[in-house]
Amino acid sequence: MPKMKTRRAVAKRISLTASGKVKIKKANLRHILTKKTQKNKRNAGKAGYLNSTDGRNMLKAAPYVK
């Protein structure tokens, strides 16, 4: 049986923590930052974690991500 293909777009956007959670980078930190509050920008800079259902789906799309 051949290897499963990894969806490269997903693999570039996620990483796994030691406990098995799926870590992502939050949105809204690229442009038009002047109208966003300091609180929004500060929280967008922190890591985000997917819930178990979304994380499971992402790991199916990128099976070899470690």
C-alpha atoms as a PDB file:
ATOM      1  CA  MET A   1       0.000   0.000   0.000  1.00  0.00           C
ATOM      2  CA  PRO A   2       1.460   3.411  -0.922  1.00  0.00           C
ATOM      3  CA  LYS A   3       2.154   6.188   1.525  1.00  0.00           C
ATOM      4  CA  MET A   4      -0.591   8.677   2.291  1.00  0.00           C
ATOM      5  CA  LYS A   5      -0.069  12.123   0.802  1.00  0.00           C
ATOM      6  CA  THR A   6       0.264  15.089   3.128  1.00  0.00           C
ATOM      7  CA  ARG A   7      -1.667  18.270   2.430  1.00  0.00           C
ATOM      8  CA  ARG A   8       1.277  20.650   2.446  1.00  0.00           C
ATOM      9  CA  ALA A   9      -0.825  23.743   3.173  1.00  0.00           C
ATOM     10  CA  VAL A  10      -2.053  22.140   6.401  1.00  0.00           C
ATOM     11  CA  ALA A  11       1.373  20.815   7.371  1.00  0.00           C
ATOM     12  CA  LYS A  12       2.894  24.306   7.127  1.00  0.00           C
ATOM     13  CA  ARG A  13       0.256  25.796   9.434  1.00  0.00           C
ATOM     14  CA  ILE A  14       0.134  23.318  12.325  1.00  0.00           C
ATOM     15  CA  SER A  15       2.501  21.737  14.799  1.00  0.00           C
ATOM     16  CA  LEU A  16       2.029  19.262  17.608  1.00  0.00           C
ATOM     17  CA  THR A  17       2.751  19.886  21.273  1.00  0.00           C
ATOM     18  CA  ALA A  18       4.259  17.279  23.578  1.00  0.00           C
ATOM     19  CA  SER A  19       0.815  16.526  25.004  1.00  0.00           C
ATOM     20  CA  GLY A  20      -0.624  15.954  21.517  1.00  0.00           C
ATOM     21  CA  LYS A  21      -2.528  19.210  21.040  1.00  0.00           C
ATOM     22  CA  VAL A  22      -2.533  20.877  17.632  1.00  0.00           C
ATOM     23  CA  LYS A  23      -0.942  24.330  17.772  1.00  0.00           C
ATOM     24  CA  ILE A  24      -1.711  27.044  15.202  1.00  0.00           C
ATOM     25  CA  LYS A  25      -0.888  30.702  14.632  1.00  0.00           C
ATOM     26  CA  LYS A  26      -3.825  33.063  15.073  1.00  0.00           C
ATOM     27  CA  ALA A  27      -5.083  35.378  12.344  1.00  0.00           C
ATOM     28  CA  ASN A  28      -5.397  39.199  12.156  1.00  0.00           C
ATOM     29  CA  LEU A  29      -1.761  40.208  12.581  1.00  0.00           C
ATOM     30  CA  ARG A  30      -0.712  40.868   8.969  1.00  0.00           C
ATOM     31  CA  HIS A  31      -1.976  44.286   7.910  1.00  0.00           C
ATOM     32  CA  ILE A  32      -4.335  47.129   8.843  1.00  0.00           C
ATOM     33  CA  LEU A  33      -3.013  47.033  12.388  1.00  0.00           C
ATOM     34  CA  THR A  34      -3.645  50.686  13.236  1.00  0.00           C
ATOM     35  CA  LYS A  35      -7.355  50.222  13.833  1.00  0.00           C
ATOM     36  CA  LYS A  36      -6.919  47.097  15.955  1.00  0.00           C
ATOM     37  CA  THR A  37      -6.588  47.448  19.704  1.00  0.00           C
ATOM     38  CA  GLN A  38      -3.403  46.581  21.577  1.00  0.00           C
ATOM     39  CA  LYS A  39      -5.298  43.789  23.322  1.00  0.00           C
ATOM     40  CA  ASN A  40      -6.349  42.219  20.016  1.00  0.00           C
ATOM     41  CA  LYS A  41      -2.830  42.392  18.610  1.00  0.00           C
ATOM     42  CA  ARG A  42      -1.277  41.021  21.795  1.00  0.00           C
ATOM     43  CA  ASN A  43      -3.673  38.075  21.930  1.00  0.00           C
ATOM     44  CA  ALA A  44      -3.256  37.377  18.205  1.00  0.00           C
ATOM     45  CA  GLY A  45       0.481  37.016  18.777  1.00  0.00           C
ATOM     46  CA  LYS A  46      -0.025  34.149  21.194  1.00  0.00           C
ATOM     47  CA  ALA A  47      -0.375  30.574  20.031  1.00  0.00           C
ATOM     48  CA  GLY A  48      -3.802  29.103  19.418  1.00  0.00           C
ATOM     49  CA  TYR A  49      -4.861  25.521  20.008  1.00  0.00           C
ATOM     50  CA  LEU A  50      -7.508  23.615  18.080  1.00  0.00           C
ATOM     51  CA  ASN A  51     -10.260  21.696  19.816  1.00  0.00           C
ATOM     52  CA  SER A  52     -10.076  17.915  19.652  1.00  0.00           C
ATOM     53  CA  THR A  53     -12.429  17.505  16.675  1.00  0.00           C
ATOM     54  CA  ASP A  54     -10.730  20.100  14.476  1.00  0.00           C
ATOM     55  CA  GLY A  55      -7.326  18.829  15.530  1.00  0.00           C
ATOM     56  CA  ARG A  56      -8.214  15.287  14.548  1.00  0.00           C
ATOM     57  CA  ASN A  57      -9.343  16.473  11.115  1.00  0.00           C
ATOM     58  CA  MET A  58      -6.131  18.443  10.598  1.00  0.00           C
ATOM     59  CA  LEU A  59      -4.004  15.454  11.535  1.00  0.00           C
ATOM     60  CA  LYS A  60      -5.858  13.328   8.972  1.00  0.00           C
ATOM     61  CA  ALA A  61      -4.928  15.885   6.330  1.00  0.00           C
ATOM     62  CA  ALA A  62      -1.293  15.914   7.480  1.00  0.00           C
ATOM     63  CA  PRO A  63      -0.600  12.407   8.806  1.00  0.00           C
ATOM     64  CA  TYR A  64       3.204  12.718   9.112  1.00  0.00           C
ATOM     65  CA  VAL A  65       3.337  16.009  11.028  1.00  0.00           C
ATOM     66  CA  LYS A  66       5.270  15.683  14.248  1.00  0.00           C
END
